[in-house]
Protein backbone atom coordinates (compact mmCIF):
# COMPACT_ATOMS: atom_id res chain seq x y z
CA MET A 1 45.45 186.41 191.15
CA ALA A 2 45.00 184.49 194.29
CA VAL A 3 43.44 180.63 194.87
CA THR A 4 42.69 179.45 197.85
CA ARG A 5 41.06 176.14 199.03
CA LEU A 6 38.32 177.02 201.68
CA ALA A 7 37.79 174.90 204.64
CA GLN A 8 35.13 172.26 204.67
CA ARG A 9 31.72 173.71 204.94
CA GLY A 10 28.47 172.36 205.69
CA MET A 11 26.53 171.46 202.55
CA LEU A 12 22.97 170.03 202.14
CA ALA A 13 21.63 168.74 198.57
CA LEU A 14 17.92 169.20 198.36
CA ARG A 15 15.91 167.50 195.72
CA ALA A 16 12.42 168.14 195.09
CA ASP A 17 9.57 170.31 193.07
CA LEU A 18 10.38 173.33 194.02
CA SER A 19 7.51 175.01 192.68
CA VAL A 20 5.43 172.85 195.40
CA ALA A 21 8.28 173.09 198.11
CA ASN A 22 9.15 176.92 197.57
CA ALA A 23 7.67 178.04 200.70
CA GLN A 24 8.69 175.52 202.98
CA ILE A 25 12.28 175.61 201.94
CA SER A 26 12.00 179.34 202.26
CA ASP A 27 10.62 179.17 205.65
CA ALA A 28 13.00 176.50 206.47
CA PHE A 29 16.37 179.05 205.84
CA GLY A 30 14.95 182.63 205.69
CA LEU A 31 15.86 182.97 202.40
CA SER A 32 14.24 182.76 198.69
CA VAL A 33 14.45 179.91 196.26
CA PRO A 34 17.11 181.39 193.99
CA ALA A 35 15.84 181.65 190.19
CA PRO A 36 17.12 179.24 187.88
CA LEU A 37 21.18 180.44 187.60
CA GLU A 38 20.92 182.34 190.70
CA VAL A 39 21.92 182.36 194.32
CA SER A 40 20.06 183.50 197.26
CA LYS A 41 22.52 184.42 200.45
CA THR A 42 22.79 186.00 203.65
CA ASP A 43 26.22 186.40 205.58
CA ASP A 44 25.94 182.75 206.92
CA LEU A 45 23.83 180.88 204.07
CA ALA A 46 23.88 180.62 200.73
CA LEU A 47 21.03 178.30 198.72
CA LEU A 48 22.39 177.72 195.19
CA TRP A 49 20.31 176.36 192.13
CA PHE A 50 21.66 173.81 190.91
CA SER A 51 18.92 172.40 188.87
CA PRO A 52 14.91 172.93 188.20
CA ASP A 53 14.62 170.28 191.19
CA GLU A 54 18.12 170.76 193.42
CA LEU A 55 19.42 173.01 195.25
CA LEU A 56 22.59 173.24 197.26
CA LEU A 57 22.71 174.83 200.79
CA ILE A 58 26.13 175.68 201.97
CA CYS A 59 26.10 176.77 205.76
CA ASP A 60 28.76 176.74 208.68
CA LEU A 61 29.42 173.08 209.07
CA THR A 62 28.56 173.42 213.06
CA ASP A 63 25.04 174.25 212.10
CA LEU A 64 24.55 171.00 209.48
CA VAL A 65 22.67 168.97 211.65
CA SER A 66 20.50 171.75 212.60
CA PHE A 67 19.68 172.56 209.23
CA LYS A 68 19.37 169.18 208.03
CA SER A 69 16.49 168.60 210.76
CA ARG A 70 14.84 171.66 209.85
CA THR A 71 15.22 171.15 206.36
CA GLU A 72 13.83 167.39 206.63
CA ALA A 73 10.56 168.66 209.07
CA ALA A 74 10.08 171.26 206.41
CA LEU A 75 9.69 168.91 203.43
CA ALA A 76 7.87 165.87 205.77
CA GLY A 77 5.02 164.60 203.69
CA MET A 78 6.81 165.66 200.09
CA HIS A 79 8.46 163.87 197.61
CA ALA A 80 11.96 165.13 198.42
CA MET A 81 15.45 164.21 199.48
CA VAL A 82 17.84 165.82 201.71
CA THR A 83 21.32 164.66 201.80
CA ASP A 84 24.79 165.78 203.46
CA VAL A 85 27.27 166.05 201.07
CA SER A 86 29.83 168.09 202.96
CA ASP A 87 32.71 165.53 202.59
CA MET A 88 31.81 165.25 198.96
CA ARG A 89 32.88 168.46 197.83
CA ALA A 90 36.01 170.70 197.82
CA SER A 91 35.38 174.77 197.56
CA PHE A 92 37.99 177.17 196.07
CA GLU A 93 38.15 181.00 196.14
CA LEU A 94 39.60 182.84 193.24
CA ARG A 95 40.24 186.32 193.70
CA GLY A 96 41.78 189.11 191.36
CA PRO A 97 41.56 191.66 188.75
CA ARG A 98 42.11 189.04 185.95
CA LEU A 99 39.42 186.63 187.29
CA ARG A 100 37.13 186.57 184.23
CA GLU A 101 40.25 185.71 181.85
CA VAL A 102 41.37 182.88 184.20
CA LEU A 103 37.70 181.48 184.13
CA ALA A 104 37.58 181.94 180.67
CA LYS A 105 40.43 179.78 180.06
CA THR A 106 39.31 176.50 182.12
CA VAL A 107 35.19 176.66 181.95
CA PRO A 108 33.04 176.47 178.59
CA PHE A 109 31.04 179.43 178.99
CA ASP A 110 30.82 182.99 178.36
CA THR A 111 32.56 184.64 181.14
CA HIS A 112 31.53 188.38 180.00
CA PRO A 113 29.84 190.47 182.73
CA ASP A 114 26.89 190.77 180.62
CA ARG A 115 26.48 186.88 180.52
CA PHE A 116 27.73 185.96 184.08
CA ARG A 117 26.70 188.43 186.77
CA GLN A 118 27.56 188.41 190.57
CA GLY A 119 25.09 186.48 192.30
CA GLN A 120 25.15 183.81 189.67
CA ILE A 121 25.95 180.20 189.12
CA ARG A 122 26.78 177.69 186.68
CA ARG A 123 27.15 173.93 186.90
CA THR A 124 29.71 173.15 184.19
CA HIS A 125 33.10 171.67 183.99
CA LEU A 126 36.36 172.78 184.98
CA GLY A 127 39.00 171.57 182.89
CA GLN A 128 38.09 167.99 182.80
CA ILE A 129 35.96 168.01 186.07
CA ALA A 130 32.37 168.80 186.67
CA ALA A 131 32.39 171.90 188.86
CA ALA A 132 30.21 174.65 189.99
CA VAL A 133 31.24 178.23 189.58
CA TRP A 134 29.79 180.97 191.47
CA MET A 135 30.26 184.63 191.00
CA LEU A 136 30.66 186.13 194.22
CA GLU A 137 31.86 189.66 193.45
CA GLN A 138 33.46 191.54 190.54
CA GLU A 139 36.83 190.06 191.20
CA CYS A 140 35.58 186.83 193.38
CA ALA A 141 34.44 183.51 192.49
CA GLN A 142 33.93 180.47 194.26
CA ILE A 143 34.70 177.02 192.80
CA LEU A 144 32.80 173.80 193.97
CA CYS A 145 34.26 170.63 192.78
CA PHE A 146 33.97 166.69 193.89
CA SER A 147 37.04 166.44 196.79
CA SER A 148 38.46 163.43 194.76
CA TYR A 149 39.48 165.98 192.32
CA ALA A 150 40.66 168.98 194.63
CA SER A 151 44.17 168.44 193.58
CA TYR A 152 43.77 168.50 189.91
CA ALA A 153 41.48 171.77 190.15
CA GLN A 154 43.81 173.73 192.36
CA ASP A 155 46.60 172.89 190.01
CA LEU A 156 44.32 173.82 187.18
CA LEU A 157 43.62 177.11 188.69
CA TYR A 158 47.41 178.14 189.52
CA ALA A 159 48.30 177.12 186.10
CA ALA A 160 45.53 179.59 184.32
CA CYS A 161 46.66 182.13 186.57
CA ASP A 162 49.87 182.10 185.41
CA PRO A 163 50.25 185.47 183.50
CA LEU A 164 52.72 183.46 180.97
CA ALA A 165 49.36 181.11 180.11
CA ARG A 166 47.76 183.01 177.53
CA VAL A 167 45.10 182.27 175.29
CA GLY A 168 45.58 182.13 171.98
CA ALA A 169 45.64 179.84 168.64
CA VAL A 170 47.88 176.91 167.39
CA SER A 171 48.90 177.25 164.03
CA ALA A 172 48.56 173.60 162.15
CA THR A 173 51.68 174.46 159.99
């Protein structure tokens, strides 16, 4: 198993009535607005569903200002918010054949492939912190957390990757 802290990326939080702003958002990014718990992506961009009225755009940091301007122009006149949250979040990649087992040790949702498929995202907890987990491939996930908790997240993921850190019950006797 491998845990990698990713380089800082551009991140824009978009809050709006997605049923009203759907076309404008799609036109601004060339991506469809993802369905609940899903992600729309190209090679350079990812649009993550965060809640019924919130999306997170992930892009190259050098393109952030352009995307922010484009998004604000597309949503002009609507009740919407576009915020640069790039400095606020840290990203990790978790890769390997025991990915789902490692996730199961750290998150409170079902990591079975029938319940958490490639291209899906969950806003959840990673141990004791708020996080988002995005299933990129069968053996690869990205994890987003607040930057201030990056060390905790990294340490937790390393510990969960340890093959001796087995999942089991503790006897009360």
